[in-house]
Each structure stands twice: as structure tokens, then as C-alpha cells.
N, C-alpha and C. Protein backbone atom coordinates (compact mmCIF):
# COMPACT_ATOMS: atom_id res chain seq x y z
N PRO A 1 0.81 -1.22 0.00
CA PRO A 1 0.00 0.00 0.00
C PRO A 1 0.84 1.28 0.00
N GLY A 2 2.02 1.27 0.61
CA GLY A 2 2.84 2.47 0.69
C GLY A 2 3.93 2.51 -0.36
N TRP A 3 3.77 1.75 -1.44
CA TRP A 3 4.80 1.66 -2.46
C TRP A 3 5.11 3.01 -3.09
N LEU A 4 4.11 3.83 -3.36
CA LEU A 4 4.35 5.12 -4.01
C LEU A 4 5.24 6.04 -3.19
N LEU A 5 5.20 5.91 -1.88
CA LEU A 5 6.01 6.77 -1.02
C LEU A 5 7.37 6.16 -0.71
N SER A 6 7.61 4.94 -1.16
CA SER A 6 8.89 4.27 -0.93
C SER A 6 9.93 4.82 -1.91
N PRO A 7 11.22 4.62 -1.66
CA PRO A 7 12.24 5.08 -2.60
C PRO A 7 12.07 4.49 -4.01
N ALA A 8 11.56 3.26 -4.12
CA ALA A 8 11.36 2.64 -5.43
C ALA A 8 10.18 3.25 -6.18
N GLY A 9 9.15 3.68 -5.47
CA GLY A 9 7.95 4.21 -6.10
C GLY A 9 7.94 5.72 -6.26
N ARG A 10 8.80 6.40 -5.55
CA ARG A 10 8.79 7.86 -5.57
C ARG A 10 9.01 8.46 -6.97
N PRO A 11 9.91 7.93 -7.82
CA PRO A 11 10.05 8.52 -9.17
C PRO A 11 8.76 8.45 -10.00
N TYR A 12 7.96 7.40 -9.80
CA TYR A 12 6.70 7.28 -10.53
C TYR A 12 5.70 8.31 -10.03
N LEU A 13 5.68 8.52 -8.72
CA LEU A 13 4.79 9.53 -8.15
C LEU A 13 5.21 10.92 -8.60
N ASP A 14 6.51 11.19 -8.61
CA ASP A 14 6.99 12.50 -9.03
C ASP A 14 6.64 12.79 -10.49
N SER A 15 6.51 11.75 -11.32
CA SER A 15 6.20 11.97 -12.74
C SER A 15 4.77 12.46 -12.96
N ILE A 16 3.89 12.26 -11.98
CA ILE A 16 2.50 12.72 -12.15
C ILE A 16 2.18 13.93 -11.28
N LEU A 17 3.18 14.42 -10.52
CA LEU A 17 2.96 15.58 -9.67
C LEU A 17 3.69 16.80 -10.22
N HIS A 18 3.12 17.97 -9.95
CA HIS A 18 3.76 19.24 -10.26
C HIS A 18 3.52 20.15 -9.07
N LYS A 19 4.59 20.52 -8.37
CA LYS A 19 4.50 21.34 -7.16
C LYS A 19 3.58 20.68 -6.13
N ASN A 20 3.77 19.38 -5.93
CA ASN A 20 3.00 18.57 -4.97
C ASN A 20 1.50 18.53 -5.25
N GLN A 21 1.09 18.85 -6.46
CA GLN A 21 -0.30 18.72 -6.89
C GLN A 21 -0.33 17.77 -8.08
N ARG A 22 -1.39 16.99 -8.20
CA ARG A 22 -1.52 16.08 -9.33
C ARG A 22 -1.59 16.89 -10.62
N ARG A 23 -0.74 16.55 -11.56
CA ARG A 23 -0.66 17.27 -12.83
C ARG A 23 -1.83 16.87 -13.72
N VAL A 24 -2.40 17.83 -14.40
CA VAL A 24 -3.48 17.57 -15.33
C VAL A 24 -2.86 17.30 -16.70
N PHE A 25 -3.16 16.15 -17.28
CA PHE A 25 -2.63 15.78 -18.58
C PHE A 25 -3.70 15.95 -19.64
N GLY A 26 -3.28 16.39 -20.81
CA GLY A 26 -4.18 16.50 -21.93
C GLY A 26 -4.44 15.14 -22.54
N LEU A 27 -5.25 15.12 -23.55
CA LEU A 27 -5.65 13.86 -24.18
C LEU A 27 -4.47 13.11 -24.76
N LEU A 28 -3.49 13.80 -25.31
CA LEU A 28 -2.35 13.15 -25.95
C LEU A 28 -1.09 13.17 -25.10
N GLU A 29 -1.15 13.68 -23.89
CA GLU A 29 0.01 13.75 -23.02
C GLU A 29 0.10 12.53 -22.11
N ARG A 30 1.30 12.31 -21.59
CA ARG A 30 1.51 11.25 -20.62
C ARG A 30 2.70 11.63 -19.75
N PRO A 31 2.85 11.03 -18.58
CA PRO A 31 4.00 11.34 -17.73
C PRO A 31 5.32 10.97 -18.40
N ALA A 32 6.32 11.80 -18.18
CA ALA A 32 7.65 11.54 -18.74
C ALA A 32 8.47 10.76 -17.72
N LEU A 33 8.84 9.55 -18.09
CA LEU A 33 9.67 8.71 -17.24
C LEU A 33 11.00 8.45 -17.93
N PRO A 34 12.08 8.36 -17.17
CA PRO A 34 13.36 8.00 -17.78
C PRO A 34 13.27 6.60 -18.40
N PRO A 35 14.06 6.31 -19.43
CA PRO A 35 14.00 4.99 -20.08
C PRO A 35 14.20 3.82 -19.12
N ALA A 36 14.99 4.02 -18.08
CA ALA A 36 15.23 2.93 -17.12
C ALA A 36 13.99 2.60 -16.30
N LEU A 37 13.06 3.56 -16.20
CA LEU A 37 11.84 3.36 -15.41
C LEU A 37 10.61 3.15 -16.27
N ALA A 38 10.79 2.98 -17.58
CA ALA A 38 9.65 2.79 -18.48
C ALA A 38 8.84 1.57 -18.06
N VAL A 39 7.54 1.75 -18.01
CA VAL A 39 6.62 0.67 -17.59
C VAL A 39 5.47 0.60 -18.58
N PRO A 40 4.79 -0.55 -18.63
CA PRO A 40 3.62 -0.63 -19.52
C PRO A 40 2.48 0.24 -19.00
N THR A 41 1.70 0.74 -19.94
CA THR A 41 0.52 1.55 -19.61
C THR A 41 -0.73 0.73 -19.86
N VAL A 42 -1.59 0.68 -18.85
CA VAL A 42 -2.86 -0.03 -18.95
C VAL A 42 -3.96 1.02 -18.99
N THR A 43 -4.76 1.01 -20.04
CA THR A 43 -5.76 2.05 -20.25
C THR A 43 -7.16 1.53 -19.93
N TYR A 44 -7.90 2.33 -19.17
CA TYR A 44 -9.30 2.04 -18.87
C TYR A 44 -10.12 3.28 -19.17
N LYS A 45 -11.32 3.08 -19.68
CA LYS A 45 -12.27 4.16 -19.88
C LYS A 45 -13.43 3.90 -18.93
N LEU A 46 -13.65 4.86 -18.03
CA LEU A 46 -14.69 4.72 -17.01
C LEU A 46 -15.77 5.76 -17.28
N PHE A 47 -17.00 5.30 -17.43
CA PHE A 47 -18.13 6.17 -17.68
C PHE A 47 -18.95 6.26 -16.41
N LEU A 48 -19.11 7.47 -15.87
CA LEU A 48 -19.88 7.68 -14.65
C LEU A 48 -21.26 8.18 -15.04
N ALA A 49 -22.26 7.46 -14.61
CA ALA A 49 -23.64 7.84 -14.90
C ALA A 49 -24.44 7.79 -13.61
N GLY A 50 -25.40 8.65 -13.50
CA GLY A 50 -26.25 8.67 -12.31
C GLY A 50 -27.14 9.89 -12.34
N LYS A 51 -27.95 9.99 -11.32
CA LYS A 51 -28.88 11.12 -11.22
C LYS A 51 -28.11 12.42 -10.99
N SER A 52 -28.77 13.50 -11.30
CA SER A 52 -28.17 14.82 -11.15
C SER A 52 -27.93 15.12 -9.67
N GLY A 53 -26.75 15.69 -9.39
CA GLY A 53 -26.46 16.15 -8.03
C GLY A 53 -25.97 15.09 -7.06
N VAL A 54 -25.60 13.90 -7.54
CA VAL A 54 -25.16 12.85 -6.61
C VAL A 54 -23.66 12.88 -6.34
N GLY A 55 -22.88 13.64 -7.12
CA GLY A 55 -21.47 13.78 -6.84
C GLY A 55 -20.52 13.16 -7.85
N LYS A 56 -20.98 12.94 -9.06
CA LYS A 56 -20.11 12.34 -10.09
C LYS A 56 -18.93 13.28 -10.41
N THR A 57 -19.21 14.54 -10.63
CA THR A 57 -18.17 15.51 -10.94
C THR A 57 -17.24 15.70 -9.75
N ALA A 58 -17.78 15.71 -8.55
CA ALA A 58 -16.96 15.85 -7.35
C ALA A 58 -16.05 14.63 -7.17
N LEU A 59 -16.52 13.44 -7.52
CA LEU A 59 -15.69 12.25 -7.44
C LEU A 59 -14.51 12.33 -8.42
N VAL A 60 -14.78 12.77 -9.64
CA VAL A 60 -13.72 12.91 -10.63
C VAL A 60 -12.71 13.96 -10.17
N ALA A 61 -13.18 15.06 -9.62
CA ALA A 61 -12.28 16.10 -9.11
C ALA A 61 -11.43 15.55 -7.97
N TRP A 62 -12.01 14.80 -7.07
CA TRP A 62 -11.28 14.23 -5.94
C TRP A 62 -10.21 13.25 -6.42
N LEU A 63 -10.56 12.39 -7.37
CA LEU A 63 -9.59 11.45 -7.92
C LEU A 63 -8.45 12.17 -8.63
N GLY A 64 -8.76 13.28 -9.27
CA GLY A 64 -7.76 14.04 -9.99
C GLY A 64 -6.96 14.99 -9.11
N GLY A 65 -7.31 15.08 -7.84
CA GLY A 65 -6.58 15.95 -6.94
C GLY A 65 -6.89 17.42 -7.10
N THR A 66 -8.01 17.72 -7.71
CA THR A 66 -8.42 19.12 -7.86
C THR A 66 -9.59 19.40 -6.94
N PRO A 67 -9.78 20.65 -6.55
CA PRO A 67 -10.90 20.95 -5.65
C PRO A 67 -12.25 20.71 -6.33
N ALA A 68 -13.18 20.20 -5.57
CA ALA A 68 -14.53 19.97 -6.09
C ALA A 68 -15.23 21.31 -6.25
N PRO A 69 -16.12 21.41 -7.21
CA PRO A 69 -16.86 22.67 -7.37
C PRO A 69 -17.61 23.01 -6.08
N PRO A 70 -17.53 24.28 -5.61
CA PRO A 70 -18.16 24.63 -4.34
C PRO A 70 -19.69 24.62 -4.39
N ALA A 71 -20.26 24.88 -5.55
CA ALA A 71 -21.72 24.90 -5.68
C ALA A 71 -22.13 23.91 -6.76
N HIS A 72 -23.31 23.38 -6.61
CA HIS A 72 -23.81 22.42 -7.60
C HIS A 72 -24.15 23.12 -8.90
N HIS A 73 -23.63 22.60 -9.97
CA HIS A 73 -24.05 23.03 -11.31
C HIS A 73 -24.05 21.79 -12.19
N GLU A 74 -25.04 21.70 -13.00
CA GLU A 74 -25.22 20.52 -13.83
C GLU A 74 -24.17 20.49 -14.94
N THR A 75 -23.55 19.31 -15.13
CA THR A 75 -22.59 19.14 -16.21
C THR A 75 -23.36 18.97 -17.51
N LEU A 76 -23.07 19.84 -18.46
CA LEU A 76 -23.74 19.76 -19.75
C LEU A 76 -22.93 18.85 -20.66
N GLY A 77 -23.56 17.86 -21.21
CA GLY A 77 -22.87 16.92 -22.09
C GLY A 77 -21.97 15.99 -21.31
N ILE A 78 -20.81 15.70 -21.87
CA ILE A 78 -19.85 14.80 -21.23
C ILE A 78 -18.56 15.55 -21.01
N GLU A 79 -18.03 15.44 -19.81
CA GLU A 79 -16.75 16.04 -19.48
C GLU A 79 -15.73 14.91 -19.34
N ALA A 80 -14.68 14.92 -20.14
CA ALA A 80 -13.67 13.86 -20.12
C ALA A 80 -12.43 14.34 -19.37
N THR A 81 -11.92 13.48 -18.48
CA THR A 81 -10.72 13.76 -17.70
C THR A 81 -9.78 12.58 -17.83
N THR A 82 -8.50 12.84 -18.03
CA THR A 82 -7.51 11.78 -18.12
C THR A 82 -6.62 11.83 -16.89
N LEU A 83 -6.54 10.70 -16.18
CA LEU A 83 -5.69 10.58 -14.99
C LEU A 83 -4.69 9.46 -15.19
N PHE A 84 -3.53 9.63 -14.62
CA PHE A 84 -2.53 8.56 -14.60
C PHE A 84 -2.32 8.16 -13.15
N TRP A 85 -2.21 6.86 -12.94
CA TRP A 85 -2.07 6.35 -11.59
C TRP A 85 -1.04 5.22 -11.60
N PRO A 86 0.17 5.45 -11.05
CA PRO A 86 1.16 4.37 -11.00
C PRO A 86 0.82 3.40 -9.88
N ALA A 87 1.04 2.13 -10.12
CA ALA A 87 0.75 1.10 -9.13
C ALA A 87 1.71 -0.06 -9.32
N LYS A 88 1.85 -0.85 -8.27
CA LYS A 88 2.67 -2.05 -8.33
C LYS A 88 1.80 -3.21 -7.86
N PRO A 89 1.18 -3.93 -8.80
CA PRO A 89 0.32 -5.06 -8.41
C PRO A 89 1.12 -6.12 -7.65
N ARG A 90 0.50 -6.68 -6.67
CA ARG A 90 1.16 -7.71 -5.86
C ARG A 90 1.50 -8.95 -6.66
N ALA A 91 0.65 -9.31 -7.61
CA ALA A 91 0.84 -10.55 -8.36
C ALA A 91 2.07 -10.49 -9.26
N SER A 92 2.27 -9.37 -9.96
CA SER A 92 3.37 -9.30 -10.91
C SER A 92 4.65 -8.76 -10.28
N GLY A 93 4.53 -7.87 -9.33
CA GLY A 93 5.69 -7.29 -8.71
C GLY A 93 6.38 -6.24 -9.55
N ARG A 94 5.85 -5.94 -10.75
CA ARG A 94 6.42 -4.93 -11.63
C ARG A 94 5.45 -3.75 -11.72
N PRO A 95 5.95 -2.53 -11.63
CA PRO A 95 5.05 -1.37 -11.70
C PRO A 95 4.35 -1.26 -13.05
N VAL A 96 3.15 -0.71 -13.03
CA VAL A 96 2.40 -0.38 -14.23
C VAL A 96 1.86 1.04 -14.06
N LEU A 97 1.51 1.65 -15.16
CA LEU A 97 0.94 2.99 -15.14
C LEU A 97 -0.49 2.87 -15.68
N PHE A 98 -1.45 3.11 -14.82
CA PHE A 98 -2.85 3.07 -15.24
C PHE A 98 -3.21 4.42 -15.85
N GLN A 99 -3.79 4.41 -17.03
CA GLN A 99 -4.31 5.62 -17.67
C GLN A 99 -5.83 5.50 -17.62
N LEU A 100 -6.43 6.38 -16.84
CA LEU A 100 -7.88 6.33 -16.64
C LEU A 100 -8.53 7.48 -17.39
N HIS A 101 -9.40 7.14 -18.32
CA HIS A 101 -10.21 8.15 -19.02
C HIS A 101 -11.57 8.15 -18.32
N LEU A 102 -11.81 9.19 -17.55
CA LEU A 102 -13.07 9.31 -16.80
C LEU A 102 -14.03 10.18 -17.59
N TRP A 103 -15.18 9.62 -17.92
CA TRP A 103 -16.22 10.34 -18.64
C TRP A 103 -17.34 10.61 -17.67
N ASP A 104 -17.60 11.89 -17.43
CA ASP A 104 -18.62 12.31 -16.46
C ASP A 104 -19.73 13.02 -17.21
């Protein structure tokens, strides 16, 4: 669970942070890792659906490390957010970089 904060995981965490805040990546961007730390990227597209006002946008903001909107406003259409999340699965023991496309 504490792999990201360990000396082995810290370079992966630093690649997604900017001034200790989660960096926002564009659609075609990805974290820059040195060739020695290159890892496979696993991509998932997550579609969040639900009734108005239940917190879908706030959940995406929380996962992305950005502040949630202070007042409720309805999301018009679909808002797409791309997040990267480094992890080290217990089964493989090798780090992977999850690319999450969140559609809200």
C-alpha cells in the first residue's frame, strides 16, 4: 500500500505531480519517465452515470486531486478527464501505469 512513497515508487509519483499537486494531462500527453523506469501503460475508460447532483463531478475532481466545485451546477454533455495512476500489483511485482479516461 505504501509503495508510491517508498524510494522505489517515488520517481513514478513525481512523474505525475507538479509542485505537490496532481498534474493535469491533456488527451495526448503522458508522464515523462526515464527509459530505465519505463513501464507498460494499462488504459481504462470509465463512464460515470447517475442522477443529477449525486457527486459524479466531485468524485472525478477528488480522484484528480483538484478541488470539487463549491456549488452544484449541472454538467452539460460529457466532461472527459484523463488521470494517470502508478501502481505495483502484488501478483506481478512490476510497476504499471494506469491511464484512466473518466467520462462524467
